[in-house]
Amino acid sequence: MTWVNGTPSTLIDVSDRGLAYGDGVFETMRIVYDAEQQQVVVPLLEWHLKRFSEGVKRLKLGSVDELCIRFKKSLSSALNSIAHDAVCKIIVTRGSGGRGYTPAENVEIHMITQLLTAPEYPNYYGSEGVAVKCCTHRLPSQSALAGIKHLNRLDQVLASQELGAEQEGLLFDQDDNLIEGIKSNVLVFSGAEVFTPSIIACGVRGTLRDFLISNSQTLGIQISERIIDRKMLAQSDGLAMINSVLGIWPVRELDGQKFEIHPNCNVIGDYLKQQLSY
């Protein structure tokens, strides 16, 4: 099911700047149906809105407050039509207009809302872990775009083509520091400490990543951001991949190297089940 600016449709103008230049942002949200309450909920909505707002601000798409109101209205309208688990993707583009790359002064922002079937990952990904590989494709450094979910995902498209039987890949920056997974963020376990790569010059600031950092005190495990190089990665006691749709996947194998599931990974998994119904 797809709506364009609130109207059921799958059509966009071929001159739309989102298509022509990747000029826009998007959010992909997990939708959970609560059978007991007979209602759908959007876990991590607060964090999705925060990242969306930052993207709107960075790309200068317009009024953050007005676009957040449209975002929430579009989401609410879409959720009225379902009573099951799903994924909702909202894409915001700068619309059409402007000479070449330069946007027009007064633009009509386009909002595309999609309701998609929730992905059916095997349950053992979360319990037994997944196989991951280090991708050779490197992420470019661009602090102006770091953190936000902009529409240009060509790095992820290229990296994903390196995967064989693996379920996910690790992406590094130009200095060979770990940044993220192709579709996820990374947790690195080292003794009692948990680290996640610093996202300053590239990478996506995941909503589940930020939720865990914000709630680390309640969780009882400190999760810190830091630069993670190859040496630290190789000496780690375990890894896990996280994102707002899949939850947490322990890494059981990285480029053929076997990993044990770290006890703190199980603690985080149990916490996410309690708090976010994964």
C-alpha atoms as a PDB file:
ATOM      1  CA  MET A   1       0.000   0.000   0.000  1.00  0.00           C
ATOM      2  CA  THR A   2       1.430   3.346  -1.068  1.00  0.00           C
ATOM      3  CA  TRP A   3       0.305   6.935  -0.662  1.00  0.00           C
ATOM      4  CA  VAL A   4       1.828   9.984  -2.358  1.00  0.00           C
ATOM      5  CA  ASN A   5       1.092  13.179  -0.454  1.00  0.00           C
ATOM      6  CA  GLY A   6      -1.770  11.456   1.328  1.00  0.00           C
ATOM      7  CA  THR A   7      -3.428  10.049  -1.818  1.00  0.00           C
ATOM      8  CA  PRO A   8      -3.324   6.323  -2.684  1.00  0.00           C
ATOM      9  CA  SER A   9      -0.916   6.171  -5.626  1.00  0.00           C
ATOM     10  CA  THR A  10       2.332   4.651  -6.870  1.00  0.00           C
ATOM     11  CA  LEU A  11       3.114   7.462  -9.327  1.00  0.00           C
ATOM     12  CA  ILE A  12       5.752  10.179  -8.994  1.00  0.00           C
ATOM     13  CA  ASP A  13       6.867  12.879 -11.408  1.00  0.00           C
ATOM     14  CA  VAL A  14       9.942  11.842 -13.415  1.00  0.00           C
ATOM     15  CA  SER A  15      11.451  15.238 -12.572  1.00  0.00           C
ATOM     16  CA  ASP A  16      11.223  14.584  -8.816  1.00  0.00           C
ATOM     17  CA  ARG A  17      14.535  15.546  -7.212  1.00  0.00           C
ATOM     18  CA  GLY A  18      14.481  12.437  -5.060  1.00  0.00           C
ATOM     19  CA  LEU A  19      14.698  10.364  -8.242  1.00  0.00           C
ATOM     20  CA  ALA A  20      17.077  12.696 -10.066  1.00  0.00           C
ATOM     21  CA  TYR A  21      19.528  13.492  -7.264  1.00  0.00           C
ATOM     22  CA  GLY A  22      18.612  11.479  -4.172  1.00  0.00           C
ATOM     23  CA  ASP A  23      17.488  14.816  -2.729  1.00  0.00           C
ATOM     24  CA  GLY A  24      15.580  13.733   0.351  1.00  0.00           C
ATOM     25  CA  VAL A  25      15.459  11.542   3.440  1.00  0.00           C
ATOM     26  CA  PHE A  26      13.563   8.479   4.597  1.00  0.00           C
ATOM     27  CA  GLU A  27      12.687   6.475   7.685  1.00  0.00           C
ATOM     28  CA  THR A  28      11.835   2.774   7.850  1.00  0.00           C
ATOM     29  CA  MET A  29       9.831   1.904  10.957  1.00  0.00           C
ATOM     30  CA  ARG A  30       8.835  -1.392  12.510  1.00  0.00           C
ATOM     31  CA  ILE A  31       5.100  -1.675  13.204  1.00  0.00           C
ATOM     32  CA  VAL A  32       3.947  -4.050  15.947  1.00  0.00           C
ATOM     33  CA  TYR A  33       0.348  -5.145  16.401  1.00  0.00           C
ATOM     34  CA  ASP A  34      -0.645  -5.483  20.051  1.00  0.00           C
ATOM     35  CA  ALA A  35      -3.425  -8.098  19.948  1.00  0.00           C
ATOM     36  CA  GLU A  36      -4.288  -7.589  23.610  1.00  0.00           C
ATOM     37  CA  GLN A  37      -4.847  -3.840  23.174  1.00  0.00           C
ATOM     38  CA  GLN A  38      -6.018  -4.286  19.559  1.00  0.00           C
ATOM     39  CA  GLN A  39      -3.801  -1.482  18.340  1.00  0.00           C
ATOM     40  CA  VAL A  40      -0.598  -0.985  16.405  1.00  0.00           C
ATOM     41  CA  VAL A  41       2.439   0.678  17.944  1.00  0.00           C
ATOM     42  CA  VAL A  42       5.621   2.109  16.446  1.00  0.00           C
ATOM     43  CA  PRO A  43       8.615   1.241  18.626  1.00  0.00           C
ATOM     44  CA  LEU A  44      11.395   3.862  18.575  1.00  0.00           C
ATOM     45  CA  LEU A  45       9.137   6.494  16.982  1.00  0.00           C
ATOM     46  CA  GLU A  46      10.758   9.213  19.114  1.00  0.00           C
ATOM     47  CA  TRP A  47      14.179   8.318  17.723  1.00  0.00           C
ATOM     48  CA  HIS A  48      12.911   8.063  14.141  1.00  0.00           C
ATOM     49  CA  LEU A  49      11.425  11.551  14.418  1.00  0.00           C
ATOM     50  CA  LYS A  50      14.663  12.883  15.881  1.00  0.00           C
ATOM     51  CA  ARG A  51      16.732  11.532  12.978  1.00  0.00           C
ATOM     52  CA  PHE A  52      14.134  12.659  10.446  1.00  0.00           C
ATOM     53  CA  SER A  53      14.236  16.171  11.902  1.00  0.00           C
ATOM     54  CA  GLU A  54      18.018  16.242  11.668  1.00  0.00           C
ATOM     55  CA  GLY A  55      17.869  15.124   8.043  1.00  0.00           C
ATOM     56  CA  VAL A  56      15.345  17.822   7.155  1.00  0.00           C
ATOM     57  CA  LYS A  57      17.550  20.405   8.844  1.00  0.00           C
ATOM     58  CA  ARG A  58      20.789  19.259   7.196  1.00  0.00           C
ATOM     59  CA  LEU A  59      19.322  19.179   3.677  1.00  0.00           C
ATOM     60  CA  LYS A  60      17.344  22.400   4.277  1.00  0.00           C
ATOM     61  CA  LEU A  61      14.120  20.793   3.097  1.00  0.00           C
ATOM     62  CA  GLY A  62      11.862  23.245   4.939  1.00  0.00           C
ATOM     63  CA  SER A  63      10.245  23.770   8.313  1.00  0.00           C
ATOM     64  CA  VAL A  64      11.173  20.916  10.654  1.00  0.00           C
ATOM     65  CA  ASP A  65       8.001  21.394  12.719  1.00  0.00           C
ATOM     66  CA  GLU A  66       5.699  21.402   9.690  1.00  0.00           C
ATOM     67  CA  LEU A  67       7.309  18.363   8.105  1.00  0.00           C
ATOM     68  CA  CYS A  68       7.211  16.455  11.396  1.00  0.00           C
ATOM     69  CA  ILE A  69       3.477  17.163  11.607  1.00  0.00           C
ATOM     70  CA  ARG A  70       3.040  15.845   8.050  1.00  0.00           C
ATOM     71  CA  PHE A  71       5.204  12.840   8.890  1.00  0.00           C
ATOM     72  CA  LYS A  72       3.120  11.905  11.934  1.00  0.00           C
ATOM     73  CA  LYS A  73      -0.146  12.504  10.069  1.00  0.00           C
ATOM     74  CA  SER A  74       0.976  10.286   7.169  1.00  0.00           C
ATOM     75  CA  LEU A  75       2.082   7.561   9.563  1.00  0.00           C
ATOM     76  CA  SER A  76      -1.173   7.702  11.520  1.00  0.00           C
ATOM     77  CA  SER A  77      -3.274   7.492   8.366  1.00  0.00           C
ATOM     78  CA  ALA A  78      -1.339   4.478   7.144  1.00  0.00           C
ATOM     79  CA  LEU A  79      -1.653   2.649  10.456  1.00  0.00           C
ATOM     80  CA  ASN A  80      -5.433   3.050  10.449  1.00  0.00           C
ATOM     81  CA  SER A  81      -5.603   0.490   7.666  1.00  0.00           C
ATOM     82  CA  ILE A  82      -3.789  -2.424   9.343  1.00  0.00           C
ATOM     83  CA  ALA A  83      -4.121  -4.805  12.283  1.00  0.00           C
ATOM     84  CA  HIS A  84      -0.913  -6.816  11.945  1.00  0.00           C
ATOM     85  CA  ASP A  85       2.864  -6.469  12.103  1.00  0.00           C
ATOM     86  CA  ALA A  86       4.358  -4.514   9.226  1.00  0.00           C
ATOM     87  CA  VAL A  87       7.015  -2.038   8.166  1.00  0.00           C
ATOM     88  CA  CYS A  88       6.217   1.560   7.290  1.00  0.00           C
ATOM     89  CA  LYS A  89       8.604   3.531   5.103  1.00  0.00           C
ATOM     90  CA  ILE A  90       8.195   7.287   4.707  1.00  0.00           C
ATOM     91  CA  ILE A  91      10.211   9.013   1.983  1.00  0.00           C
ATOM     92  CA  VAL A  92      10.414  12.798   1.784  1.00  0.00           C
ATOM     93  CA  THR A  93      11.798  14.444  -1.362  1.00  0.00           C
ATOM     94  CA  ARG A  94      12.287  18.054  -2.346  1.00  0.00           C
ATOM     95  CA  GLY A  95       9.794  17.507  -5.158  1.00  0.00           C
ATOM     96  CA  SER A  96      10.361  18.990  -8.609  1.00  0.00           C
ATOM     97  CA  GLY A  97      11.875  22.268  -9.660  1.00  0.00           C
ATOM     98  CA  GLY A  98      15.104  24.187  -9.712  1.00  0.00           C
ATOM     99  CA  ARG A  99      17.812  24.639 -12.302  1.00  0.00           C
ATOM    100  CA  GLY A 100      20.106  21.633 -12.290  1.00  0.00           C
ATOM    101  CA  TYR A 101      21.333  20.814  -8.808  1.00  0.00           C
ATOM    102  CA  THR A 102      20.207  24.135  -7.328  1.00  0.00           C
ATOM    103  CA  PRO A 103      16.780  23.781  -5.664  1.00  0.00           C
ATOM    104  CA  ALA A 104      13.979  26.235  -6.397  1.00  0.00           C
ATOM    105  CA  GLU A 105      13.329  28.805  -3.677  1.00  0.00           C
ATOM    106  CA  ASN A 106       9.769  27.664  -3.113  1.00  0.00           C
ATOM    107  CA  VAL A 107       9.443  23.919  -3.385  1.00  0.00           C
ATOM    108  CA  GLU A 108       6.570  21.497  -2.854  1.00  0.00           C
ATOM    109  CA  ILE A 109       7.850  18.747  -0.602  1.00  0.00           C
ATOM    110  CA  HIS A 110       6.631  15.295  -1.606  1.00  0.00           C
ATOM    111  CA  MET A 111       5.895  12.643   1.022  1.00  0.00           C
ATOM    112  CA  ILE A 112       5.622   9.012  -0.019  1.00  0.00           C
ATOM    113  CA  THR A 113       4.280   6.545   2.557  1.00  0.00           C
ATOM    114  CA  GLN A 114       4.546   2.784   2.078  1.00  0.00           C
ATOM    115  CA  LEU A 115       3.187  -0.082   4.154  1.00  0.00           C
ATOM    116  CA  LEU A 116       5.294  -3.173   3.560  1.00  0.00           C
ATOM    117  CA  THR A 117       5.195  -6.768   4.723  1.00  0.00           C
ATOM    118  CA  ALA A 118       7.393  -7.305   7.772  1.00  0.00           C
ATOM    119  CA  PRO A 119      10.536  -9.280   6.811  1.00  0.00           C
ATOM    120  CA  GLU A 120      10.525 -12.881   8.007  1.00  0.00           C
ATOM    121  CA  TYR A 121      14.045 -13.517   9.267  1.00  0.00           C
ATOM    122  CA  PRO A 122      14.725 -16.975  10.720  1.00  0.00           C
ATOM    123  CA  ASN A 123      14.425 -16.975  14.518  1.00  0.00           C
ATOM    124  CA  TYR A 124      17.859 -18.559  14.885  1.00  0.00           C
ATOM    125  CA  TYR A 125      19.523 -15.404  13.550  1.00  0.00           C
ATOM    126  CA  GLY A 126      18.729 -13.824  16.887  1.00  0.00           C
ATOM    127  CA  SER A 127      19.575 -16.851  19.025  1.00  0.00           C
ATOM    128  CA  GLU A 128      22.409 -18.651  17.234  1.00  0.00           C
ATOM    129  CA  GLY A 129      23.864 -15.704  15.314  1.00  0.00           C
ATOM    130  CA  VAL A 130      24.692 -14.834  11.716  1.00  0.00           C
ATOM    131  CA  ALA A 131      27.648 -15.005   9.354  1.00  0.00           C
ATOM    132  CA  VAL A 132      29.194 -11.642   8.438  1.00  0.00           C
ATOM    133  CA  LYS A 133      31.987 -10.567   6.099  1.00  0.00           C
ATOM    134  CA  CYS A 134      34.206  -7.486   5.917  1.00  0.00           C
ATOM    135  CA  CYS A 135      33.359  -5.653   2.712  1.00  0.00           C
ATOM    136  CA  THR A 136      36.094  -4.218   0.508  1.00  0.00           C
ATOM    137  CA  HIS A 137      33.951  -1.217  -0.471  1.00  0.00           C
ATOM    138  CA  ARG A 138      34.862   1.815   1.641  1.00  0.00           C
ATOM    139  CA  LEU A 139      32.508   4.529   2.833  1.00  0.00           C
ATOM    140  CA  PRO A 140      33.405   8.078   1.763  1.00  0.00           C
ATOM    141  CA  SER A 141      33.859  10.737   4.439  1.00  0.00           C
ATOM    142  CA  GLN A 142      31.266  13.543   4.429  1.00  0.00           C
ATOM    143  CA  SER A 143      30.411  15.002   7.806  1.00  0.00           C
ATOM    144  CA  ALA A 144      27.561  17.096   6.331  1.00  0.00           C
ATOM    145  CA  LEU A 145      25.669  13.876   5.612  1.00  0.00           C
ATOM    146  CA  ALA A 146      26.934  11.641   8.412  1.00  0.00           C
ATOM    147  CA  GLY A 147      24.245  10.208  10.656  1.00  0.00           C
ATOM    148  CA  ILE A 148      21.156  11.017   8.587  1.00  0.00           C
ATOM    149  CA  LYS A 149      19.137   8.603   6.410  1.00  0.00           C
ATOM    150  CA  HIS A 150      19.431  10.399   3.069  1.00  0.00           C
ATOM    151  CA  LEU A 151      18.164   8.824  -0.137  1.00  0.00           C
ATOM    152  CA  ASN A 152      21.583   8.088  -1.665  1.00  0.00           C
ATOM    153  CA  ARG A 153      22.286   4.483  -0.657  1.00  0.00           C
ATOM    154  CA  LEU A 154      24.745   3.576  -3.443  1.00  0.00           C
ATOM    155  CA  ASP A 155      27.441   2.561  -0.957  1.00  0.00           C
ATOM    156  CA  GLN A 156      25.051   0.004   0.500  1.00  0.00           C
ATOM    157  CA  VAL A 157      24.015  -1.159  -2.978  1.00  0.00           C
ATOM    158  CA  LEU A 158      27.648  -1.772  -3.958  1.00  0.00           C
ATOM    159  CA  ALA A 159      28.598  -3.418  -0.663  1.00  0.00           C
ATOM    160  CA  SER A 160      25.580  -5.733  -0.652  1.00  0.00           C
ATOM    161  CA  GLN A 161      26.751  -7.247  -3.947  1.00  0.00           C
ATOM    162  CA  GLU A 162      29.847  -8.559  -2.164  1.00  0.00           C
ATOM    163  CA  LEU A 163      27.787 -10.850   0.060  1.00  0.00           C
ATOM    164  CA  GLY A 164      27.532 -14.533  -0.679  1.00  0.00           C
ATOM    165  CA  ALA A 165      25.995 -16.788   1.950  1.00  0.00           C
ATOM    166  CA  GLU A 166      26.590 -14.174   4.654  1.00  0.00           C
ATOM    167  CA  GLN A 167      23.610 -12.403   6.225  1.00  0.00           C
ATOM    168  CA  GLU A 168      25.369  -9.043   6.657  1.00  0.00           C
ATOM    169  CA  GLY A 169      28.583  -7.162   5.898  1.00  0.00           C
ATOM    170  CA  LEU A 170      30.802  -4.745   7.809  1.00  0.00           C
ATOM    171  CA  LEU A 171      31.642  -1.371   6.255  1.00  0.00           C
ATOM    172  CA  PHE A 172      34.817   0.617   6.943  1.00  0.00           C
ATOM    173  CA  ASP A 173      35.836   4.195   6.211  1.00  0.00           C
ATOM    174  CA  GLN A 174      38.773   5.424   4.134  1.00  0.00           C
ATOM    175  CA  ASP A 175      41.084   5.037   7.160  1.00  0.00           C
ATOM    176  CA  ASP A 176      40.013   1.401   7.593  1.00  0.00           C
ATOM    177  CA  ASN A 177      38.034   2.076  10.764  1.00  0.00           C
ATOM    178  CA  LEU A 178      34.820   0.159  11.356  1.00  0.00           C
ATOM    179  CA  ILE A 179      31.660   2.259  10.828  1.00  0.00           C
ATOM    180  CA  GLU A 180      28.552   0.068  10.455  1.00  0.00           C
ATOM    181  CA  GLY A 181      26.888  -2.868   8.772  1.00  0.00           C
ATOM    182  CA  ILE A 182      25.295  -2.633   5.338  1.00  0.00           C
ATOM    183  CA  LYS A 183      21.831  -2.362   6.894  1.00  0.00           C
ATOM    184  CA  SER A 184      22.688  -2.177  10.575  1.00  0.00           C
ATOM    185  CA  ASN A 185      24.894  -0.730  13.276  1.00  0.00           C
ATOM    186  CA  VAL A 186      27.525  -2.716  15.158  1.00  0.00           C
ATOM    187  CA  LEU A 187      28.143  -3.556  18.811  1.00  0.00           C
ATOM    188  CA  VAL A 188      31.657  -4.675  19.764  1.00  0.00           C
ATOM    189  CA  PHE A 189      32.079  -6.590  23.041  1.00  0.00           C
ATOM    190  CA  SER A 190      35.358  -6.327  24.919  1.00  0.00           C
ATOM    191  CA  GLY A 191      35.322  -7.835  28.389  1.00  0.00           C
ATOM    192  CA  ALA A 192      32.548  -6.085  30.329  1.00  0.00           C
ATOM    193  CA  GLU A 193      32.596  -3.109  27.937  1.00  0.00           C
ATOM    194  CA  VAL A 194      30.444  -2.570  24.863  1.00  0.00           C
ATOM    195  CA  PHE A 195      31.458  -0.200  22.089  1.00  0.00           C
ATOM    196  CA  THR A 196      29.835   1.051  18.905  1.00  0.00           C
ATOM    197  CA  PRO A 197      31.697   2.870  16.125  1.00  0.00           C
ATOM    198  CA  SER A 198      31.842   6.645  16.193  1.00  0.00           C
ATOM    199  CA  ILE A 199      29.754   8.184  13.391  1.00  0.00           C
ATOM    200  CA  ILE A 200      31.256  11.578  12.686  1.00  0.00           C
ATOM    201  CA  ALA A 201      32.307  11.570   9.043  1.00  0.00           C
ATOM    202  CA  CYS A 202      30.084   8.822   7.621  1.00  0.00           C
ATOM    203  CA  GLY A 203      27.527   6.174   8.501  1.00  0.00           C
ATOM    204  CA  VAL A 204      23.916   6.142   9.674  1.00  0.00           C
ATOM    205  CA  ARG A 205      22.954   6.970  13.254  1.00  0.00           C
ATOM    206  CA  GLY A 206      20.628   4.053  13.857  1.00  0.00           C
ATOM    207  CA  THR A 207      17.547   4.518  16.001  1.00  0.00           C
ATOM    208  CA  LEU A 208      18.051   1.285  17.961  1.00  0.00           C
ATOM    209  CA  ARG A 209      21.714   2.214  18.436  1.00  0.00           C
ATOM    210  CA  ASP A 210      20.767   5.556  19.959  1.00  0.00           C
ATOM    211  CA  PHE A 211      18.007   3.975  22.052  1.00  0.00           C
ATOM    212  CA  LEU A 212      20.491   1.566  23.634  1.00  0.00           C
ATOM    213  CA  ILE A 213      23.049   4.307  24.286  1.00  0.00           C
ATOM    214  CA  SER A 214      20.350   6.511  25.876  1.00  0.00           C
ATOM    215  CA  ASN A 215      19.066   3.652  28.038  1.00  0.00           C
ATOM    216  CA  SER A 216      22.395   2.089  28.969  1.00  0.00           C
ATOM    217  CA  GLN A 217      21.954   3.000  32.625  1.00  0.00           C
ATOM    218  CA  THR A 218      18.606   1.182  32.808  1.00  0.00           C
ATOM    219  CA  LEU A 219      20.061  -1.660  30.792  1.00  0.00           C
ATOM    220  CA  GLY A 220      22.943  -1.910  33.227  1.00  0.00           C
ATOM    221  CA  ILE A 221      25.549  -2.024  30.461  1.00  0.00           C
ATOM    222  CA  GLN A 222      27.512   1.031  29.379  1.00  0.00           C
ATOM    223  CA  ILE A 223      27.599   1.377  25.589  1.00  0.00           C
ATOM    224  CA  SER A 224      30.224   3.865  24.410  1.00  0.00           C
ATOM    225  CA  GLU A 225      31.045   5.371  21.016  1.00  0.00           C
ATOM    226  CA  ARG A 226      34.650   5.196  19.914  1.00  0.00           C
ATOM    227  CA  ILE A 227      36.921   4.697  16.917  1.00  0.00           C
ATOM    228  CA  ILE A 228      37.274   0.979  16.262  1.00  0.00           C
ATOM    229  CA  ASP A 229      40.191  -0.106  14.094  1.00  0.00           C
ATOM    230  CA  ARG A 230      40.981  -3.528  12.670  1.00  0.00           C
ATOM    231  CA  LYS A 231      43.181  -4.485  15.619  1.00  0.00           C
ATOM    232  CA  MET A 232      40.447  -3.790  18.151  1.00  0.00           C
ATOM    233  CA  LEU A 233      37.923  -5.638  15.996  1.00  0.00           C
ATOM    234  CA  ALA A 234      40.188  -8.693  15.779  1.00  0.00           C
ATOM    235  CA  GLN A 235      40.793  -8.698  19.557  1.00  0.00           C
ATOM    236  CA  SER A 236      37.136  -8.275  20.506  1.00  0.00           C
ATOM    237  CA  ASP A 237      35.239 -10.904  22.481  1.00  0.00           C
ATOM    238  CA  GLY A 238      32.154 -10.782  20.295  1.00  0.00           C
ATOM    239  CA  LEU A 239      30.072  -8.755  17.859  1.00  0.00           C
ATOM    240  CA  ALA A 240      26.407  -8.071  17.217  1.00  0.00           C
ATOM    241  CA  MET A 241      24.455  -6.340  14.459  1.00  0.00           C
ATOM    242  CA  ILE A 242      21.470  -4.166  15.404  1.00  0.00           C
ATOM    243  CA  ASN A 243      18.758  -2.202  13.660  1.00  0.00           C
ATOM    244  CA  SER A 244      15.212  -1.113  14.392  1.00  0.00           C
ATOM    245  CA  VAL A 245      13.573  -3.786  12.207  1.00  0.00           C
ATOM    246  CA  LEU A 246      15.641  -6.892  12.939  1.00  0.00           C
ATOM    247  CA  GLY A 247      16.538  -6.151  16.580  1.00  0.00           C
ATOM    248  CA  ILE A 248      19.861  -7.758  17.539  1.00  0.00           C
ATOM    249  CA  TRP A 249      21.774 -10.502  15.717  1.00  0.00           C
ATOM    250  CA  PRO A 250      24.871 -11.953  17.400  1.00  0.00           C
ATOM    251  CA  VAL A 251      27.760 -12.568  14.997  1.00  0.00           C
ATOM    252  CA  ARG A 252      28.758 -16.241  15.045  1.00  0.00           C
ATOM    253  CA  GLU A 253      31.274 -15.972  12.214  1.00  0.00           C
ATOM    254  CA  LEU A 254      33.287 -13.124  10.644  1.00  0.00           C
ATOM    255  CA  ASP A 255      35.285 -13.925   7.503  1.00  0.00           C
ATOM    256  CA  GLY A 256      35.499 -17.542   8.651  1.00  0.00           C
ATOM    257  CA  GLN A 257      36.553 -16.685  12.212  1.00  0.00           C
ATOM    258  CA  LYS A 258      34.202 -18.159  14.814  1.00  0.00           C
ATOM    259  CA  PHE A 259      32.778 -16.006  17.598  1.00  0.00           C
ATOM    260  CA  GLU A 260      31.077 -17.027  20.801  1.00  0.00           C
ATOM    261  CA  ILE A 261      27.905 -15.156  21.747  1.00  0.00           C
ATOM    262  CA  HIS A 262      28.957 -12.719  24.463  1.00  0.00           C
ATOM    263  CA  PRO A 263      26.844 -12.815  27.662  1.00  0.00           C
ATOM    264  CA  ASN A 264      26.126  -9.076  27.330  1.00  0.00           C
ATOM    265  CA  CYS A 265      24.647  -9.736  23.906  1.00  0.00           C
ATOM    266  CA  ASN A 266      22.047 -11.976  25.544  1.00  0.00           C
ATOM    267  CA  VAL A 267      21.385  -9.338  28.206  1.00  0.00           C
ATOM    268  CA  ILE A 268      20.732  -6.725  25.519  1.00  0.00           C
ATOM    269  CA  GLY A 269      18.537  -9.160  23.577  1.00  0.00           C
ATOM    270  CA  ASP A 270      16.399  -9.885  26.639  1.00  0.00           C
ATOM    271  CA  TYR A 271      16.097  -6.149  27.368  1.00  0.00           C
ATOM    272  CA  LEU A 272      14.908  -5.461  23.819  1.00  0.00           C
ATOM    273  CA  LYS A 273      12.293  -8.204  24.086  1.00  0.00           C
ATOM    274  CA  GLN A 274      10.936  -6.622  27.259  1.00  0.00           C
ATOM    275  CA  GLN A 275      11.062  -3.005  26.124  1.00  0.00           C
ATOM    276  CA  LEU A 276      10.375  -3.207  22.379  1.00  0.00           C
ATOM    277  CA  SER A 277       8.750  -6.628  21.840  1.00  0.00           C
ATOM    278  CA  TYR A 278      11.408  -8.094  19.546  1.00  0.00           C
END
